[in-house]
Amino acid sequence: MNLEPFNILQIVFVVQASFGALLLANKNQYRGLVALLISIALLMIFNLLEELGITRQYILITPIFSLSNGPLFYLFVRQLVYNNKPLNSRDWLHLLPALLFLPFTQWTQTVLFLGTVSQIIYAVFSFSLLIHYHKGCLELR
């Protein structure tokens, strides 16, 4: 096992994202951010394991994160915009496609394409939420 400088950088990101998630874990208003930070840490862990050849022969997991990052970012933005509305169990159904496509990661390019489309769609939803919030703030002012 030979660690490259990029692998050390991945370990640093895992530590930072995990530390940030731990700092915010007990605050309900940051639950979306905590989920996003945990997802980033898990992505870096699995990416490191796959690059080092530890898990690659069993299953390729990192393409699934392209399907989960969009929904997690949207939930984070939605929780920032609607601070008084906490995330509930129904909100986590946005992550269901990532779990359903886990057995199909052998078709990496297809999963990454679907993940990219998903991220674009959720980015548009997040942007529209921010525009709506901005308009509401201007009307209050």
N, C-alpha and C. Protein backbone atom coordinates (compact mmCIF):
# COMPACT_ATOMS: atom_id res chain seq x y z
N MET A 1 0.85 -1.17 0.00
CA MET A 1 0.00 0.00 0.00
C MET A 1 0.89 1.24 0.00
N ASN A 2 0.79 2.03 -1.06
CA ASN A 2 1.61 3.21 -1.22
C ASN A 2 0.71 4.44 -1.25
N LEU A 3 0.85 5.29 -0.25
CA LEU A 3 0.04 6.50 -0.18
C LEU A 3 0.68 7.61 -1.01
N GLU A 4 -0.11 8.17 -1.89
CA GLU A 4 0.31 9.31 -2.71
C GLU A 4 -0.10 10.59 -1.99
N PRO A 5 0.45 11.74 -2.40
CA PRO A 5 0.03 13.00 -1.77
C PRO A 5 -1.47 13.25 -1.88
N PHE A 6 -2.08 12.83 -2.98
CA PHE A 6 -3.52 13.01 -3.14
C PHE A 6 -4.28 12.18 -2.10
N ASN A 7 -3.77 11.00 -1.78
CA ASN A 7 -4.42 10.16 -0.77
C ASN A 7 -4.34 10.81 0.61
N ILE A 8 -3.24 11.46 0.90
CA ILE A 8 -3.13 12.16 2.18
C ILE A 8 -4.10 13.33 2.22
N LEU A 9 -4.27 14.02 1.09
CA LEU A 9 -5.25 15.10 1.01
C LEU A 9 -6.67 14.57 1.24
N GLN A 10 -6.97 13.40 0.72
CA GLN A 10 -8.28 12.78 0.96
C GLN A 10 -8.48 12.49 2.44
N ILE A 11 -7.47 12.01 3.11
CA ILE A 11 -7.55 11.74 4.55
C ILE A 11 -7.81 13.04 5.30
N VAL A 12 -7.14 14.12 4.90
CA VAL A 12 -7.36 15.42 5.54
C VAL A 12 -8.81 15.86 5.36
N PHE A 13 -9.37 15.69 4.17
CA PHE A 13 -10.76 16.06 3.93
C PHE A 13 -11.72 15.20 4.75
N VAL A 14 -11.41 13.93 4.91
CA VAL A 14 -12.24 13.05 5.74
C VAL A 14 -12.26 13.56 7.18
N VAL A 15 -11.10 13.91 7.68
CA VAL A 15 -11.00 14.40 9.06
C VAL A 15 -11.75 15.72 9.20
N GLN A 16 -11.58 16.64 8.26
CA GLN A 16 -12.24 17.94 8.34
C GLN A 16 -13.76 17.80 8.25
N ALA A 17 -14.25 17.02 7.29
CA ALA A 17 -15.69 16.86 7.14
C ALA A 17 -16.29 16.16 8.34
N SER A 18 -15.59 15.16 8.86
CA SER A 18 -16.09 14.45 10.04
C SER A 18 -16.10 15.36 11.26
N PHE A 19 -15.08 16.17 11.42
CA PHE A 19 -15.02 17.09 12.55
C PHE A 19 -16.13 18.13 12.45
N GLY A 20 -16.37 18.65 11.25
CA GLY A 20 -17.47 19.60 11.06
C GLY A 20 -18.81 18.98 11.36
N ALA A 21 -19.01 17.73 10.93
CA ALA A 21 -20.27 17.04 11.22
C ALA A 21 -20.44 16.82 12.71
N LEU A 22 -19.36 16.47 13.40
CA LEU A 22 -19.45 16.27 14.85
C LEU A 22 -19.77 17.57 15.58
N LEU A 23 -19.20 18.67 15.12
CA LEU A 23 -19.47 19.96 15.77
C LEU A 23 -20.93 20.38 15.63
N LEU A 24 -21.55 20.03 14.51
CA LEU A 24 -22.91 20.48 14.24
C LEU A 24 -23.97 19.41 14.47
N ALA A 25 -23.58 18.24 14.92
CA ALA A 25 -24.49 17.10 15.00
C ALA A 25 -25.68 17.32 15.92
N ASN A 26 -25.51 18.08 16.98
CA ASN A 26 -26.61 18.24 17.93
C ASN A 26 -27.51 19.44 17.63
N LYS A 27 -27.30 20.11 16.52
CA LYS A 27 -28.11 21.27 16.14
C LYS A 27 -29.06 20.87 15.00
N ASN A 28 -30.35 20.88 15.29
CA ASN A 28 -31.34 20.46 14.30
C ASN A 28 -31.37 21.33 13.06
N GLN A 29 -31.09 22.62 13.20
CA GLN A 29 -31.16 23.52 12.05
C GLN A 29 -30.04 23.25 11.05
N TYR A 30 -29.03 22.49 11.43
CA TYR A 30 -27.92 22.17 10.53
C TYR A 30 -27.90 20.70 10.13
N ARG A 31 -29.01 20.02 10.26
CA ARG A 31 -29.06 18.59 9.94
C ARG A 31 -28.73 18.32 8.47
N GLY A 32 -29.17 19.20 7.58
CA GLY A 32 -28.86 19.05 6.16
C GLY A 32 -27.37 19.20 5.89
N LEU A 33 -26.73 20.15 6.56
CA LEU A 33 -25.30 20.33 6.40
C LEU A 33 -24.54 19.15 6.97
N VAL A 34 -24.98 18.63 8.08
CA VAL A 34 -24.33 17.45 8.69
C VAL A 34 -24.40 16.27 7.73
N ALA A 35 -25.56 16.05 7.12
CA ALA A 35 -25.70 14.95 6.16
C ALA A 35 -24.78 15.15 4.96
N LEU A 36 -24.66 16.38 4.49
CA LEU A 36 -23.77 16.67 3.36
C LEU A 36 -22.31 16.44 3.74
N LEU A 37 -21.92 16.85 4.93
CA LEU A 37 -20.54 16.63 5.39
C LEU A 37 -20.23 15.14 5.57
N ILE A 38 -21.19 14.39 6.10
CA ILE A 38 -21.00 12.95 6.25
C ILE A 38 -20.86 12.28 4.89
N SER A 39 -21.67 12.74 3.94
CA SER A 39 -21.58 12.19 2.59
C SER A 39 -20.22 12.47 1.96
N ILE A 40 -19.70 13.67 2.17
CA ILE A 40 -18.37 14.00 1.64
C ILE A 40 -17.31 13.13 2.28
N ALA A 41 -17.40 12.93 3.59
CA ALA A 41 -16.42 12.08 4.29
C ALA A 41 -16.50 10.65 3.78
N LEU A 42 -17.71 10.12 3.61
CA LEU A 42 -17.87 8.75 3.11
C LEU A 42 -17.34 8.62 1.68
N LEU A 43 -17.61 9.62 0.85
CA LEU A 43 -17.11 9.60 -0.52
C LEU A 43 -15.58 9.53 -0.52
N MET A 44 -14.95 10.34 0.30
CA MET A 44 -13.49 10.33 0.35
C MET A 44 -12.94 9.01 0.89
N ILE A 45 -13.62 8.43 1.88
CA ILE A 45 -13.18 7.14 2.42
C ILE A 45 -13.27 6.06 1.35
N PHE A 46 -14.42 5.96 0.68
CA PHE A 46 -14.58 4.93 -0.34
C PHE A 46 -13.67 5.17 -1.54
N ASN A 47 -13.45 6.43 -1.88
CA ASN A 47 -12.55 6.74 -2.98
C ASN A 47 -11.12 6.31 -2.64
N LEU A 48 -10.72 6.57 -1.41
CA LEU A 48 -9.39 6.15 -0.96
C LEU A 48 -9.26 4.63 -0.98
N LEU A 49 -10.28 3.94 -0.46
CA LEU A 49 -10.24 2.47 -0.45
C LEU A 49 -10.20 1.89 -1.85
N GLU A 50 -10.93 2.52 -2.79
CA GLU A 50 -10.93 2.03 -4.17
C GLU A 50 -9.60 2.32 -4.85
N GLU A 51 -9.02 3.49 -4.60
CA GLU A 51 -7.73 3.81 -5.21
C GLU A 51 -6.61 2.91 -4.71
N LEU A 52 -6.69 2.54 -3.45
CA LEU A 52 -5.67 1.65 -2.89
C LEU A 52 -5.92 0.19 -3.24
N GLY A 53 -7.04 -0.09 -3.93
CA GLY A 53 -7.33 -1.44 -4.37
C GLY A 53 -7.89 -2.35 -3.29
N ILE A 54 -8.41 -1.77 -2.23
CA ILE A 54 -8.93 -2.58 -1.13
C ILE A 54 -10.35 -3.06 -1.40
N THR A 55 -11.20 -2.21 -1.95
CA THR A 55 -12.60 -2.59 -2.17
C THR A 55 -12.98 -2.70 -3.64
N ARG A 56 -12.10 -2.30 -4.55
CA ARG A 56 -12.46 -2.25 -5.97
C ARG A 56 -12.86 -3.61 -6.53
N GLN A 57 -12.23 -4.68 -6.07
CA GLN A 57 -12.54 -6.00 -6.61
C GLN A 57 -13.90 -6.52 -6.15
N TYR A 58 -14.46 -5.94 -5.07
CA TYR A 58 -15.75 -6.38 -4.57
C TYR A 58 -16.90 -5.58 -5.17
N ILE A 59 -16.85 -4.28 -4.97
CA ILE A 59 -17.91 -3.42 -5.49
C ILE A 59 -17.37 -2.01 -5.62
N LEU A 60 -17.83 -1.31 -6.63
CA LEU A 60 -17.46 0.08 -6.86
C LEU A 60 -18.58 0.95 -6.30
N ILE A 61 -18.27 1.73 -5.27
CA ILE A 61 -19.31 2.48 -4.56
C ILE A 61 -19.33 3.95 -4.93
N THR A 62 -18.20 4.53 -5.27
CA THR A 62 -18.13 5.99 -5.43
C THR A 62 -19.07 6.57 -6.50
N PRO A 63 -19.42 5.87 -7.59
CA PRO A 63 -20.36 6.49 -8.53
C PRO A 63 -21.74 6.79 -7.93
N ILE A 64 -22.11 6.06 -6.89
CA ILE A 64 -23.41 6.27 -6.26
C ILE A 64 -23.50 7.66 -5.63
N PHE A 65 -22.36 8.19 -5.20
CA PHE A 65 -22.38 9.49 -4.56
C PHE A 65 -22.77 10.60 -5.53
N SER A 66 -22.62 10.37 -6.83
CA SER A 66 -23.09 11.37 -7.79
C SER A 66 -24.62 11.44 -7.77
N LEU A 67 -25.27 10.36 -7.37
CA LEU A 67 -26.73 10.38 -7.24
C LEU A 67 -27.19 10.92 -5.89
N SER A 68 -26.33 10.93 -4.90
CA SER A 68 -26.75 11.40 -3.58
C SER A 68 -26.36 12.85 -3.30
N ASN A 69 -25.34 13.36 -3.97
CA ASN A 69 -24.89 14.72 -3.68
C ASN A 69 -25.92 15.78 -4.05
N GLY A 70 -26.61 15.62 -5.15
CA GLY A 70 -27.64 16.58 -5.55
C GLY A 70 -28.75 16.69 -4.52
N PRO A 71 -29.37 15.56 -4.14
CA PRO A 71 -30.43 15.64 -3.13
C PRO A 71 -29.94 16.18 -1.79
N LEU A 72 -28.74 15.79 -1.38
CA LEU A 72 -28.23 16.28 -0.09
C LEU A 72 -27.98 17.79 -0.13
N PHE A 73 -27.48 18.29 -1.25
CA PHE A 73 -27.28 19.73 -1.37
C PHE A 73 -28.62 20.46 -1.37
N TYR A 74 -29.60 19.90 -2.07
CA TYR A 74 -30.94 20.50 -2.09
C TYR A 74 -31.54 20.53 -0.68
N LEU A 75 -31.43 19.44 0.06
CA LEU A 75 -31.96 19.41 1.42
C LEU A 75 -31.25 20.42 2.31
N PHE A 76 -29.96 20.59 2.10
CA PHE A 76 -29.20 21.58 2.85
C PHE A 76 -29.71 22.99 2.55
N VAL A 77 -29.88 23.32 1.27
CA VAL A 77 -30.36 24.65 0.89
C VAL A 77 -31.79 24.86 1.37
N ARG A 78 -32.61 23.83 1.25
CA ARG A 78 -33.99 23.96 1.69
C ARG A 78 -34.08 24.21 3.19
N GLN A 79 -33.21 23.57 3.92
CA GLN A 79 -33.22 23.78 5.37
C GLN A 79 -32.70 25.17 5.73
N LEU A 80 -31.79 25.71 4.93
CA LEU A 80 -31.35 27.08 5.16
C LEU A 80 -32.46 28.09 4.87
N VAL A 81 -33.19 27.85 3.79
CA VAL A 81 -34.26 28.77 3.39
C VAL A 81 -35.44 28.68 4.34
N TYR A 82 -35.86 27.46 4.65
CA TYR A 82 -36.98 27.25 5.57
C TYR A 82 -36.42 26.75 6.90
N ASN A 83 -35.84 27.66 7.65
CA ASN A 83 -35.15 27.33 8.89
C ASN A 83 -36.08 26.71 9.93
N ASN A 84 -37.34 27.10 9.91
CA ASN A 84 -38.28 26.61 10.93
C ASN A 84 -38.90 25.26 10.58
N LYS A 85 -38.60 24.73 9.41
CA LYS A 85 -39.16 23.45 8.99
C LYS A 85 -38.06 22.38 9.01
N PRO A 86 -38.02 21.55 10.05
CA PRO A 86 -36.95 20.54 10.13
C PRO A 86 -37.14 19.43 9.10
N LEU A 87 -36.05 18.77 8.79
CA LEU A 87 -36.11 17.64 7.87
C LEU A 87 -36.84 16.48 8.55
N ASN A 88 -37.67 15.79 7.78
CA ASN A 88 -38.37 14.64 8.33
C ASN A 88 -37.99 13.39 7.55
N SER A 89 -38.56 12.28 7.93
CA SER A 89 -38.17 11.01 7.31
C SER A 89 -38.55 10.95 5.83
N ARG A 90 -39.60 11.66 5.44
CA ARG A 90 -40.01 11.66 4.03
C ARG A 90 -38.99 12.38 3.15
N ASP A 91 -38.28 13.35 3.71
CA ASP A 91 -37.28 14.08 2.94
C ASP A 91 -36.12 13.18 2.52
N TRP A 92 -35.82 12.19 3.32
CA TRP A 92 -34.69 11.31 3.02
C TRP A 92 -35.00 10.36 1.87
N LEU A 93 -36.25 10.34 1.39
CA LEU A 93 -36.59 9.51 0.23
C LEU A 93 -35.90 10.00 -1.04
N HIS A 94 -35.40 11.24 -1.01
CA HIS A 94 -34.64 11.75 -2.16
C HIS A 94 -33.38 10.92 -2.41
N LEU A 95 -32.92 10.23 -1.38
CA LEU A 95 -31.70 9.41 -1.52
C LEU A 95 -31.99 7.99 -2.00
N LEU A 96 -33.24 7.66 -2.17
CA LEU A 96 -33.61 6.31 -2.59
C LEU A 96 -33.00 5.89 -3.93
N PRO A 97 -32.95 6.76 -4.96
CA PRO A 97 -32.31 6.33 -6.21
C PRO A 97 -30.85 5.92 -6.04
N ALA A 98 -30.14 6.59 -5.15
CA ALA A 98 -28.74 6.21 -4.93
C ALA A 98 -28.65 4.80 -4.37
N LEU A 99 -29.54 4.45 -3.47
CA LEU A 99 -29.54 3.10 -2.91
C LEU A 99 -29.99 2.06 -3.93
N LEU A 100 -30.97 2.44 -4.76
CA LEU A 100 -31.47 1.50 -5.75
C LEU A 100 -30.46 1.21 -6.85
N PHE A 101 -29.59 2.17 -7.16
CA PHE A 101 -28.60 1.96 -8.22
C PHE A 101 -27.30 1.36 -7.71
N LEU A 102 -27.20 1.08 -6.43
CA LEU A 102 -25.98 0.50 -5.87
C LEU A 102 -25.57 -0.82 -6.54
N PRO A 103 -26.51 -1.73 -6.87
CA PRO A 103 -26.08 -2.97 -7.53
C PRO A 103 -25.64 -2.77 -8.98
N PHE A 104 -25.88 -1.58 -9.54
CA PHE A 104 -25.60 -1.36 -10.96
C PHE A 104 -24.35 -0.51 -11.19
N THR A 105 -23.47 -0.43 -10.21
CA THR A 105 -22.28 0.40 -10.36
C THR A 105 -21.26 -0.19 -11.33
N GLN A 106 -21.48 -1.41 -11.79
CA GLN A 106 -20.59 -1.97 -12.80
C GLN A 106 -20.71 -1.20 -14.12
N TRP A 107 -21.85 -0.53 -14.32
CA TRP A 107 -22.05 0.35 -15.46
C TRP A 107 -21.78 1.78 -14.98
N THR A 108 -20.53 2.05 -14.72
CA THR A 108 -20.11 3.29 -14.07
C THR A 108 -20.53 4.52 -14.86
N GLN A 109 -20.33 4.51 -16.17
CA GLN A 109 -20.64 5.69 -16.97
C GLN A 109 -22.14 6.01 -16.95
N THR A 110 -22.98 4.99 -16.96
CA THR A 110 -24.42 5.21 -16.90
C THR A 110 -24.83 5.80 -15.57
N VAL A 111 -24.29 5.26 -14.50
CA VAL A 111 -24.61 5.77 -13.16
C VAL A 111 -24.12 7.20 -13.02
N LEU A 112 -22.92 7.49 -13.53
CA LEU A 112 -22.40 8.85 -13.46
C LEU A 112 -23.23 9.81 -14.31
N PHE A 113 -23.70 9.36 -15.46
CA PHE A 113 -24.56 10.20 -16.29
C PHE A 113 -25.86 10.52 -15.56
N LEU A 114 -26.49 9.50 -14.99
CA LEU A 114 -27.73 9.73 -14.24
C LEU A 114 -27.49 10.62 -13.02
N GLY A 115 -26.33 10.44 -12.38
CA GLY A 115 -25.98 11.28 -11.25
C GLY A 115 -25.77 12.73 -11.66
N THR A 116 -25.17 12.94 -12.81
CA THR A 116 -24.97 14.30 -13.31
C THR A 116 -26.30 14.96 -13.62
N VAL A 117 -27.20 14.22 -14.27
CA VAL A 117 -28.54 14.76 -14.55
C VAL A 117 -29.25 15.08 -13.24
N SER A 118 -29.14 14.20 -12.27
CA SER A 118 -29.75 14.41 -10.96
C SER A 118 -29.19 15.67 -10.29
N GLN A 119 -27.88 15.84 -10.36
CA GLN A 119 -27.27 17.01 -9.74
C GLN A 119 -27.72 18.30 -10.41
N ILE A 120 -27.87 18.28 -11.73
CA ILE A 120 -28.34 19.47 -12.44
C ILE A 120 -29.77 19.79 -12.03
N ILE A 121 -30.62 18.78 -11.96
CA ILE A 121 -32.02 19.00 -11.58
C ILE A 121 -32.10 19.55 -10.16
N TYR A 122 -31.37 18.96 -9.24
CA TYR A 122 -31.41 19.44 -7.86
C TYR A 122 -30.75 20.81 -7.72
N ALA A 123 -29.77 21.13 -8.56
CA ALA A 123 -29.18 22.47 -8.54
C ALA A 123 -30.20 23.51 -8.99
N VAL A 124 -30.99 23.16 -10.00
CA VAL A 124 -32.06 24.08 -10.45
C VAL A 124 -33.08 24.27 -9.34
N PHE A 125 -33.48 23.19 -8.68
CA PHE A 125 -34.42 23.31 -7.56
C PHE A 125 -33.84 24.18 -6.44
N SER A 126 -32.57 23.97 -6.12
CA SER A 126 -31.92 24.75 -5.06
C SER A 126 -31.85 26.22 -5.45
N PHE A 127 -31.50 26.48 -6.70
CA PHE A 127 -31.40 27.86 -7.17
C PHE A 127 -32.76 28.54 -7.14
N SER A 128 -33.81 27.81 -7.52
CA SER A 128 -35.14 28.42 -7.48
C SER A 128 -35.57 28.71 -6.04
N LEU A 129 -35.21 27.85 -5.10
CA LEU A 129 -35.49 28.13 -3.69
C LEU A 129 -34.79 29.40 -3.23
N LEU A 130 -33.53 29.55 -3.64
CA LEU A 130 -32.77 30.74 -3.25
C LEU A 130 -33.34 32.01 -3.88
N ILE A 131 -33.79 31.92 -5.11
CA ILE A 131 -34.43 33.07 -5.75
C ILE A 131 -35.72 33.43 -5.03
N HIS A 132 -36.51 32.43 -4.70
CA HIS A 132 -37.76 32.66 -3.96
C HIS A 132 -37.47 33.30 -2.60
N TYR A 133 -36.45 32.82 -1.92
CA TYR A 133 -36.06 33.37 -0.62
C TYR A 133 -35.59 34.82 -0.77
N HIS A 134 -34.80 35.08 -1.81
CA HIS A 134 -34.29 36.43 -2.04
C HIS A 134 -35.44 37.39 -2.31
N LYS A 135 -36.40 36.96 -3.12
CA LYS A 135 -37.57 37.82 -3.40
C LYS A 135 -38.37 38.09 -2.12
N GLY A 136 -38.51 37.07 -1.30
CA GLY A 136 -39.23 37.25 -0.03
C GLY A 136 -38.52 38.23 0.88
N CYS A 137 -37.20 38.16 0.91
CA CYS A 137 -36.43 39.10 1.75
C CYS A 137 -36.56 40.52 1.23
N LEU A 138 -36.55 40.68 -0.10
CA LEU A 138 -36.72 42.02 -0.66
C LEU A 138 -38.08 42.60 -0.36
N GLU A 139 -39.12 41.77 -0.40
CA GLU A 139 -40.47 42.24 -0.10
C GLU A 139 -40.60 42.64 1.37
N LEU A 140 -39.94 41.91 2.26
CA LEU A 140 -39.98 42.28 3.67
C LEU A 140 -39.24 43.57 3.93
N ARG A 141 -38.19 43.81 3.20
CA ARG A 141 -37.40 45.01 3.40
C ARG A 141 -38.15 46.20 2.87
